[in-house]
């Protein structure tokens, strides 16, 4: 699967990711699997356009830090497929330190499609430890334009 996901064709990567997801769902779900291997599955599946299906894999990862990395991969893939504002992303994502990179990615995406002042007003309501990441995302999104 890694070879197909790392560069062959998108069709090969898609087929390999789907096969790996099926094996995980049918045979391995609930088994003790290395969180790093599950992260690789989430990355390959998200890059192959299977972000929705990879959400379940990401949530099953037992290590909190690796689970956050996997969730970030799913969010980035979802945002890449959006051609407009992510209206629910900031509302649904918990405002906690473990979600900081995810919040930054959503802010960066949304800054491309909405006025920075309305986004900044929303970020101003967050707790101080998360505001910096929101502001960084907003600034990067403005630069992306």
N, C-alpha and C. Protein backbone atom coordinates (compact mmCIF):
# COMPACT_ATOMS: atom_id res chain seq x y z
N UNK A 1 0.82 -1.19 0.00
CA UNK A 1 0.00 0.00 0.00
C UNK A 1 0.86 1.25 0.00
N UNK A 2 1.95 1.27 0.75
CA UNK A 2 2.77 2.47 0.86
C UNK A 2 3.33 2.88 -0.50
N UNK A 3 3.74 1.92 -1.31
CA UNK A 3 4.29 2.24 -2.62
C UNK A 3 3.24 2.91 -3.50
N UNK A 4 2.05 2.37 -3.51
CA UNK A 4 1.00 2.96 -4.33
C UNK A 4 0.64 4.35 -3.84
N UNK A 5 0.58 4.53 -2.54
CA UNK A 5 0.18 5.82 -2.00
C UNK A 5 1.28 6.86 -2.15
N UNK A 6 2.53 6.43 -2.24
CA UNK A 6 3.63 7.38 -2.29
C UNK A 6 3.96 7.86 -3.68
N UNK A 7 3.26 7.44 -4.71
CA UNK A 7 3.60 8.02 -5.98
C UNK A 7 3.13 7.34 -7.23
N UNK A 8 2.74 6.11 -7.21
CA UNK A 8 2.34 5.44 -8.47
C UNK A 8 1.19 6.23 -9.08
N UNK A 9 0.10 5.65 -9.27
CA UNK A 9 -1.04 6.37 -9.82
C UNK A 9 -2.11 6.53 -8.75
N UNK A 10 -2.94 7.52 -8.94
CA UNK A 10 -4.01 7.76 -7.98
C UNK A 10 -4.96 6.57 -7.92
N UNK A 11 -5.16 5.90 -9.03
CA UNK A 11 -6.03 4.72 -9.03
C UNK A 11 -5.44 3.61 -8.17
N UNK A 12 -4.15 3.38 -8.30
CA UNK A 12 -3.50 2.36 -7.49
C UNK A 12 -3.58 2.71 -6.00
N UNK A 13 -3.34 3.98 -5.70
CA UNK A 13 -3.41 4.43 -4.31
C UNK A 13 -4.81 4.27 -3.77
N UNK A 14 -5.80 4.64 -4.56
CA UNK A 14 -7.19 4.51 -4.14
C UNK A 14 -7.54 3.05 -3.89
N UNK A 15 -7.16 2.18 -4.80
CA UNK A 15 -7.46 0.75 -4.64
C UNK A 15 -6.75 0.16 -3.43
N UNK A 16 -5.49 0.53 -3.22
CA UNK A 16 -4.74 0.02 -2.08
C UNK A 16 -5.33 0.53 -0.76
N UNK A 17 -5.70 1.81 -0.73
CA UNK A 17 -6.28 2.36 0.49
C UNK A 17 -7.63 1.73 0.78
N UNK A 18 -8.44 1.52 -0.24
CA UNK A 18 -9.74 0.87 -0.04
C UNK A 18 -9.56 -0.56 0.47
N UNK A 19 -8.60 -1.28 -0.10
CA UNK A 19 -8.35 -2.66 0.34
C UNK A 19 -7.87 -2.68 1.79
N UNK A 20 -6.96 -1.77 2.13
CA UNK A 20 -6.46 -1.72 3.51
C UNK A 20 -7.58 -1.35 4.47
N UNK A 21 -8.43 -0.41 4.08
CA UNK A 21 -9.57 -0.03 4.92
C UNK A 21 -10.51 -1.20 5.13
N UNK A 22 -10.77 -1.95 4.09
CA UNK A 22 -11.66 -3.12 4.19
C UNK A 22 -11.06 -4.17 5.13
N UNK A 23 -9.77 -4.42 5.00
CA UNK A 23 -9.11 -5.38 5.89
C UNK A 23 -9.19 -4.90 7.33
N UNK A 24 -8.92 -3.62 7.55
CA UNK A 24 -8.97 -3.07 8.91
C UNK A 24 -10.39 -3.20 9.46
N UNK A 25 -11.39 -2.80 8.68
CA UNK A 25 -12.77 -2.80 9.15
C UNK A 25 -13.28 -4.22 9.40
N UNK A 26 -12.97 -5.15 8.49
CA UNK A 26 -13.52 -6.50 8.58
C UNK A 26 -12.74 -7.42 9.53
N UNK A 27 -11.42 -7.27 9.57
CA UNK A 27 -10.60 -8.24 10.29
C UNK A 27 -9.82 -7.69 11.48
N UNK A 28 -9.44 -6.43 11.42
CA UNK A 28 -8.48 -5.93 12.42
C UNK A 28 -9.05 -4.89 13.38
N UNK A 29 -10.21 -4.36 13.10
CA UNK A 29 -10.77 -3.34 13.98
C UNK A 29 -10.92 -3.90 15.39
N UNK A 30 -10.41 -3.19 16.35
CA UNK A 30 -10.44 -3.64 17.73
C UNK A 30 -9.21 -4.43 18.13
N UNK A 31 -8.40 -4.82 17.17
CA UNK A 31 -7.15 -5.54 17.46
C UNK A 31 -6.07 -4.53 17.83
N UNK A 32 -5.10 -4.97 18.61
CA UNK A 32 -4.00 -4.05 18.94
C UNK A 32 -3.08 -3.86 17.73
N UNK A 33 -3.22 -2.71 17.10
CA UNK A 33 -2.40 -2.37 15.93
C UNK A 33 -1.61 -1.13 16.28
N UNK A 34 -0.40 -1.06 15.81
CA UNK A 34 0.44 0.10 16.05
C UNK A 34 -0.28 1.37 15.60
N UNK A 35 -0.35 2.38 16.47
CA UNK A 35 -0.98 3.64 16.08
C UNK A 35 -0.31 4.27 14.86
N UNK A 36 1.01 4.04 14.71
CA UNK A 36 1.72 4.60 13.56
C UNK A 36 1.26 3.97 12.26
N UNK A 37 0.95 2.68 12.28
CA UNK A 37 0.44 2.03 11.07
C UNK A 37 -0.94 2.55 10.71
N UNK A 38 -1.76 2.78 11.74
CA UNK A 38 -3.09 3.33 11.48
C UNK A 38 -2.98 4.76 10.95
N UNK A 39 -2.02 5.53 11.45
CA UNK A 39 -1.79 6.87 10.92
C UNK A 39 -1.42 6.81 9.44
N UNK A 40 -0.57 5.87 9.07
CA UNK A 40 -0.20 5.71 7.65
C UNK A 40 -1.41 5.35 6.80
N UNK A 41 -2.29 4.51 7.35
CA UNK A 41 -3.51 4.16 6.64
C UNK A 41 -4.38 5.41 6.44
N UNK A 42 -4.51 6.20 7.49
CA UNK A 42 -5.32 7.43 7.39
C UNK A 42 -4.72 8.38 6.36
N UNK A 43 -3.40 8.54 6.38
CA UNK A 43 -2.74 9.42 5.41
C UNK A 43 -2.97 8.94 3.98
N UNK A 44 -2.75 7.66 3.75
CA UNK A 44 -2.92 7.11 2.40
C UNK A 44 -4.37 7.21 1.96
N UNK A 45 -5.28 6.87 2.84
CA UNK A 45 -6.70 6.94 2.49
C UNK A 45 -7.18 8.36 2.26
N UNK A 46 -6.72 9.29 3.08
CA UNK A 46 -7.12 10.69 2.91
C UNK A 46 -6.59 11.25 1.59
N UNK A 47 -5.38 10.90 1.25
CA UNK A 47 -4.79 11.38 -0.01
C UNK A 47 -5.47 10.73 -1.22
N UNK A 48 -6.07 9.58 -1.00
CA UNK A 48 -6.78 8.89 -2.09
C UNK A 48 -8.24 9.32 -2.16
N UNK A 49 -8.63 10.31 -1.35
CA UNK A 49 -9.99 10.81 -1.40
C UNK A 49 -10.98 10.07 -0.52
N UNK A 50 -10.49 9.34 0.46
CA UNK A 50 -11.36 8.56 1.34
C UNK A 50 -11.44 9.16 2.74
N UNK A 51 -11.39 10.48 2.84
CA UNK A 51 -11.32 11.13 4.15
C UNK A 51 -12.49 10.76 5.05
N UNK A 52 -13.69 10.69 4.50
CA UNK A 52 -14.85 10.36 5.33
C UNK A 52 -14.71 8.99 5.97
N UNK A 53 -14.25 8.02 5.19
CA UNK A 53 -14.08 6.68 5.73
C UNK A 53 -12.91 6.61 6.71
N UNK A 54 -11.91 7.45 6.52
CA UNK A 54 -10.73 7.44 7.39
C UNK A 54 -11.00 8.05 8.76
N UNK A 55 -12.08 8.81 8.88
CA UNK A 55 -12.42 9.41 10.17
C UNK A 55 -12.58 8.34 11.24
N UNK A 56 -13.22 7.24 10.91
CA UNK A 56 -13.43 6.14 11.86
C UNK A 56 -12.09 5.52 12.27
N UNK A 57 -11.20 5.36 11.32
CA UNK A 57 -9.87 4.82 11.63
C UNK A 57 -9.13 5.79 12.55
N UNK A 58 -9.18 7.07 12.23
CA UNK A 58 -8.49 8.08 13.04
C UNK A 58 -9.00 8.06 14.49
N UNK A 59 -10.30 7.97 14.65
CA UNK A 59 -10.88 7.99 16.00
C UNK A 59 -10.56 6.72 16.78
N UNK A 60 -10.20 5.64 16.09
CA UNK A 60 -9.90 4.38 16.78
C UNK A 60 -8.47 4.33 17.31
N UNK A 61 -7.63 5.28 16.94
CA UNK A 61 -6.24 5.27 17.38
C UNK A 61 -6.18 5.58 18.87
N UNK A 62 -5.49 4.73 19.61
CA UNK A 62 -5.50 4.85 21.07
C UNK A 62 -4.57 5.94 21.59
N UNK A 63 -3.48 6.20 20.91
CA UNK A 63 -2.54 7.23 21.34
C UNK A 63 -3.11 8.60 20.97
N UNK A 64 -3.30 9.47 21.98
CA UNK A 64 -3.97 10.75 21.76
C UNK A 64 -3.23 11.64 20.76
N UNK A 65 -1.90 11.72 20.85
CA UNK A 65 -1.14 12.58 19.95
C UNK A 65 -1.21 12.08 18.50
N UNK A 66 -1.10 10.79 18.32
CA UNK A 66 -1.15 10.23 16.97
C UNK A 66 -2.58 10.33 16.43
N UNK A 67 -3.58 10.17 17.31
CA UNK A 67 -4.97 10.34 16.89
C UNK A 67 -5.20 11.77 16.39
N UNK A 68 -4.61 12.76 17.06
CA UNK A 68 -4.75 14.15 16.62
C UNK A 68 -4.09 14.35 15.26
N UNK A 69 -2.92 13.75 15.05
CA UNK A 69 -2.27 13.83 13.73
C UNK A 69 -3.15 13.23 12.65
N UNK A 70 -3.76 12.10 12.96
CA UNK A 70 -4.63 11.44 11.98
C UNK A 70 -5.87 12.30 11.70
N UNK A 71 -6.44 12.87 12.73
CA UNK A 71 -7.60 13.75 12.54
C UNK A 71 -7.23 14.96 11.69
N UNK A 72 -6.01 15.47 11.89
CA UNK A 72 -5.53 16.60 11.09
C UNK A 72 -5.45 16.21 9.61
N UNK A 73 -4.97 15.01 9.32
CA UNK A 73 -4.91 14.53 7.94
C UNK A 73 -6.31 14.49 7.32
N UNK A 74 -7.28 14.00 8.08
CA UNK A 74 -8.66 13.92 7.58
C UNK A 74 -9.20 15.32 7.32
N UNK A 75 -8.97 16.24 8.26
CA UNK A 75 -9.47 17.61 8.10
C UNK A 75 -8.81 18.28 6.90
N UNK A 76 -7.51 18.14 6.76
CA UNK A 76 -6.82 18.74 5.61
C UNK A 76 -7.37 18.22 4.29
N UNK A 77 -7.63 16.92 4.24
CA UNK A 77 -8.18 16.34 3.02
C UNK A 77 -9.58 16.89 2.75
N UNK A 78 -10.38 16.99 3.79
CA UNK A 78 -11.74 17.52 3.63
C UNK A 78 -11.69 18.98 3.17
N UNK A 79 -10.80 19.77 3.77
CA UNK A 79 -10.69 21.18 3.39
C UNK A 79 -10.20 21.34 1.95
N UNK A 80 -9.30 20.46 1.53
CA UNK A 80 -8.78 20.54 0.17
C UNK A 80 -9.87 20.29 -0.87
N UNK A 81 -10.87 19.54 -0.49
CA UNK A 81 -11.95 19.25 -1.44
C UNK A 81 -13.04 20.31 -1.42
N UNK A 82 -13.01 21.20 -0.43
CA UNK A 82 -14.00 22.28 -0.35
C UNK A 82 -13.56 23.45 -1.22
N UNK A 83 -14.49 24.04 -1.92
CA UNK A 83 -14.19 25.22 -2.72
C UNK A 83 -15.01 26.38 -2.19
N UNK A 84 -14.92 26.56 -0.91
CA UNK A 84 -15.65 27.63 -0.24
C UNK A 84 -15.44 27.53 1.26
N UNK A 85 -16.19 28.31 1.97
CA UNK A 85 -16.08 28.40 3.42
C UNK A 85 -16.47 27.09 4.10
N UNK A 86 -15.71 26.69 5.09
CA UNK A 86 -16.06 25.53 5.93
C UNK A 86 -16.93 26.06 7.06
N UNK A 87 -18.23 26.04 6.84
CA UNK A 87 -19.15 26.69 7.77
C UNK A 87 -19.27 25.99 9.11
N UNK A 88 -19.08 24.68 9.14
CA UNK A 88 -19.27 23.94 10.39
C UNK A 88 -17.97 23.59 11.10
N UNK A 89 -16.85 23.68 10.42
CA UNK A 89 -15.59 23.20 10.97
C UNK A 89 -15.22 23.79 12.31
N UNK A 90 -15.26 25.10 12.43
CA UNK A 90 -14.87 25.73 13.69
C UNK A 90 -15.90 25.47 14.79
N UNK A 91 -17.16 25.35 14.41
CA UNK A 91 -18.19 25.08 15.42
C UNK A 91 -18.09 23.67 15.98
N UNK A 92 -17.78 22.71 15.12
CA UNK A 92 -17.73 21.31 15.55
C UNK A 92 -16.45 20.94 16.27
N UNK A 93 -15.35 21.59 15.93
CA UNK A 93 -14.06 21.22 16.51
C UNK A 93 -13.96 21.72 17.94
N UNK A 94 -13.63 20.83 18.88
CA UNK A 94 -13.50 21.28 20.28
C UNK A 94 -12.38 22.29 20.44
N UNK A 95 -12.63 23.30 21.22
CA UNK A 95 -11.63 24.35 21.46
C UNK A 95 -10.76 23.92 22.63
N UNK A 96 -9.85 23.02 22.36
CA UNK A 96 -8.93 22.51 23.38
C UNK A 96 -7.54 22.43 22.78
N UNK A 97 -6.51 22.46 23.61
CA UNK A 97 -5.14 22.48 23.10
C UNK A 97 -4.81 21.34 22.13
N UNK A 98 -5.37 20.17 22.32
CA UNK A 98 -5.05 19.05 21.42
C UNK A 98 -5.58 19.29 20.00
N UNK A 99 -6.52 20.19 19.84
CA UNK A 99 -7.08 20.49 18.52
C UNK A 99 -6.46 21.72 17.89
N UNK A 100 -5.39 22.24 18.45
CA UNK A 100 -4.81 23.49 17.98
C UNK A 100 -4.44 23.50 16.51
N UNK A 101 -3.75 22.47 16.04
CA UNK A 101 -3.34 22.43 14.63
C UNK A 101 -4.54 22.29 13.71
N UNK A 102 -5.54 21.57 14.16
CA UNK A 102 -6.76 21.42 13.35
C UNK A 102 -7.47 22.75 13.24
N UNK A 103 -7.58 23.48 14.35
CA UNK A 103 -8.21 24.79 14.34
C UNK A 103 -7.44 25.76 13.43
N UNK A 104 -6.12 25.69 13.49
CA UNK A 104 -5.29 26.55 12.64
C UNK A 104 -5.55 26.25 11.16
N UNK A 105 -5.65 24.97 10.81
CA UNK A 105 -5.91 24.59 9.41
C UNK A 105 -7.27 25.09 8.94
N UNK A 106 -8.28 24.99 9.80
CA UNK A 106 -9.62 25.46 9.43
C UNK A 106 -9.62 26.98 9.29
N UNK A 107 -8.95 27.68 10.21
CA UNK A 107 -8.87 29.14 10.11
C UNK A 107 -8.15 29.56 8.83
N UNK A 108 -7.09 28.87 8.50
CA UNK A 108 -6.34 29.20 7.28
C UNK A 108 -7.24 29.03 6.06
N UNK A 109 -7.97 27.93 6.03
CA UNK A 109 -8.89 27.68 4.91
C UNK A 109 -9.97 28.77 4.85
N UNK A 110 -10.60 29.04 5.99
CA UNK A 110 -11.71 29.99 6.01
C UNK A 110 -11.27 31.41 5.70
N UNK A 111 -10.03 31.76 6.05
CA UNK A 111 -9.54 33.12 5.78
C UNK A 111 -9.48 33.40 4.28
N UNK A 112 -9.43 32.37 3.49
CA UNK A 112 -9.42 32.55 2.04
C UNK A 112 -10.80 32.93 1.51
N UNK A 113 -11.85 32.64 2.28
CA UNK A 113 -13.21 32.79 1.77
C UNK A 113 -14.10 33.73 2.57
N UNK A 114 -13.60 34.30 3.65
CA UNK A 114 -14.41 35.22 4.41
C UNK A 114 -13.55 36.39 4.86
N UNK A 115 -14.20 37.44 5.30
CA UNK A 115 -13.43 38.60 5.74
C UNK A 115 -12.64 38.24 6.99
N UNK A 116 -11.42 38.74 7.04
CA UNK A 116 -10.57 38.41 8.18
C UNK A 116 -11.14 38.99 9.47
N UNK A 117 -11.85 40.10 9.40
CA UNK A 117 -12.38 40.70 10.63
C UNK A 117 -13.42 39.80 11.28
N UNK A 118 -14.28 39.16 10.50
CA UNK A 118 -15.28 38.27 11.11
C UNK A 118 -14.61 37.02 11.67
N UNK A 119 -13.59 36.53 11.00
CA UNK A 119 -12.87 35.37 11.51
C UNK A 119 -12.12 35.73 12.79
N UNK A 120 -11.49 36.89 12.82
CA UNK A 120 -10.76 37.34 14.02
C UNK A 120 -11.71 37.51 15.19
N UNK A 121 -12.91 38.05 14.93
CA UNK A 121 -13.90 38.19 16.02
C UNK A 121 -14.25 36.83 16.61
N UNK A 122 -14.37 35.84 15.76
CA UNK A 122 -14.66 34.49 16.26
C UNK A 122 -13.48 33.94 17.07
N UNK A 123 -12.27 34.13 16.56
CA UNK A 123 -11.08 33.65 17.26
C UNK A 123 -10.91 34.35 18.60
N UNK A 124 -11.28 35.63 18.67
CA UNK A 124 -11.17 36.39 19.92
C UNK A 124 -11.96 35.76 21.07
N UNK A 125 -12.94 34.92 20.75
CA UNK A 125 -13.76 34.28 21.78
C UNK A 125 -13.11 33.03 22.36
N UNK A 126 -12.04 32.56 21.74
CA UNK A 126 -11.37 31.35 22.20
C UNK A 126 -10.54 31.64 23.43
N UNK A 127 -10.14 30.59 24.11
CA UNK A 127 -9.24 30.77 25.24
C UNK A 127 -7.87 31.22 24.74
N UNK A 128 -7.16 31.98 25.56
CA UNK A 128 -5.90 32.60 25.10
C UNK A 128 -4.88 31.63 24.53
N UNK A 129 -4.80 30.42 25.04
CA UNK A 129 -3.77 29.49 24.54
C UNK A 129 -4.02 29.06 23.10
N UNK A 130 -5.27 29.15 22.64
CA UNK A 130 -5.59 28.73 21.28
C UNK A 130 -5.65 29.90 20.30
N UNK A 131 -5.82 31.11 20.81
CA UNK A 131 -5.97 32.27 19.93
C UNK A 131 -4.80 32.43 18.98
N UNK A 132 -3.58 32.22 19.48
CA UNK A 132 -2.40 32.41 18.63
C UNK A 132 -2.47 31.53 17.39
N UNK A 133 -2.89 30.28 17.56
CA UNK A 133 -2.98 29.39 16.40
C UNK A 133 -4.07 29.84 15.43
N UNK A 134 -5.16 30.35 15.96
CA UNK A 134 -6.21 30.88 15.10
C UNK A 134 -5.74 32.08 14.31
N UNK A 135 -5.03 32.98 15.00
CA UNK A 135 -4.51 34.17 14.31
C UNK A 135 -3.49 33.79 13.24
N UNK A 136 -2.64 32.81 13.55
CA UNK A 136 -1.66 32.34 12.57
C UNK A 136 -2.38 31.78 11.34
N UNK A 137 -3.39 30.97 11.57
CA UNK A 137 -4.16 30.41 10.46
C UNK A 137 -4.81 31.50 9.62
N UNK A 138 -5.38 32.51 10.28
CA UNK A 138 -6.02 33.61 9.56
C UNK A 138 -4.99 34.38 8.73
N UNK A 139 -3.83 34.64 9.32
CA UNK A 139 -2.78 35.38 8.60
C UNK A 139 -2.27 34.58 7.40
N UNK A 140 -2.05 33.29 7.58
CA UNK A 140 -1.58 32.46 6.48
C UNK A 140 -2.62 32.36 5.37
N UNK A 141 -3.88 32.26 5.77
CA UNK A 141 -4.96 32.21 4.78
C UNK A 141 -5.04 33.48 3.96
N UNK A 142 -4.83 34.62 4.61
CA UNK A 142 -4.82 35.89 3.87
C UNK A 142 -3.64 35.93 2.90
N UNK A 143 -2.50 35.41 3.31
CA UNK A 143 -1.34 35.38 2.43
C UNK A 143 -1.55 34.44 1.24
N UNK A 144 -2.33 33.38 1.48
CA UNK A 144 -2.59 32.43 0.41
C UNK A 144 -3.41 33.05 -0.73
N UNK A 145 -4.16 34.08 -0.41
CA UNK A 145 -5.01 34.72 -1.44
C UNK A 145 -4.21 35.38 -2.47
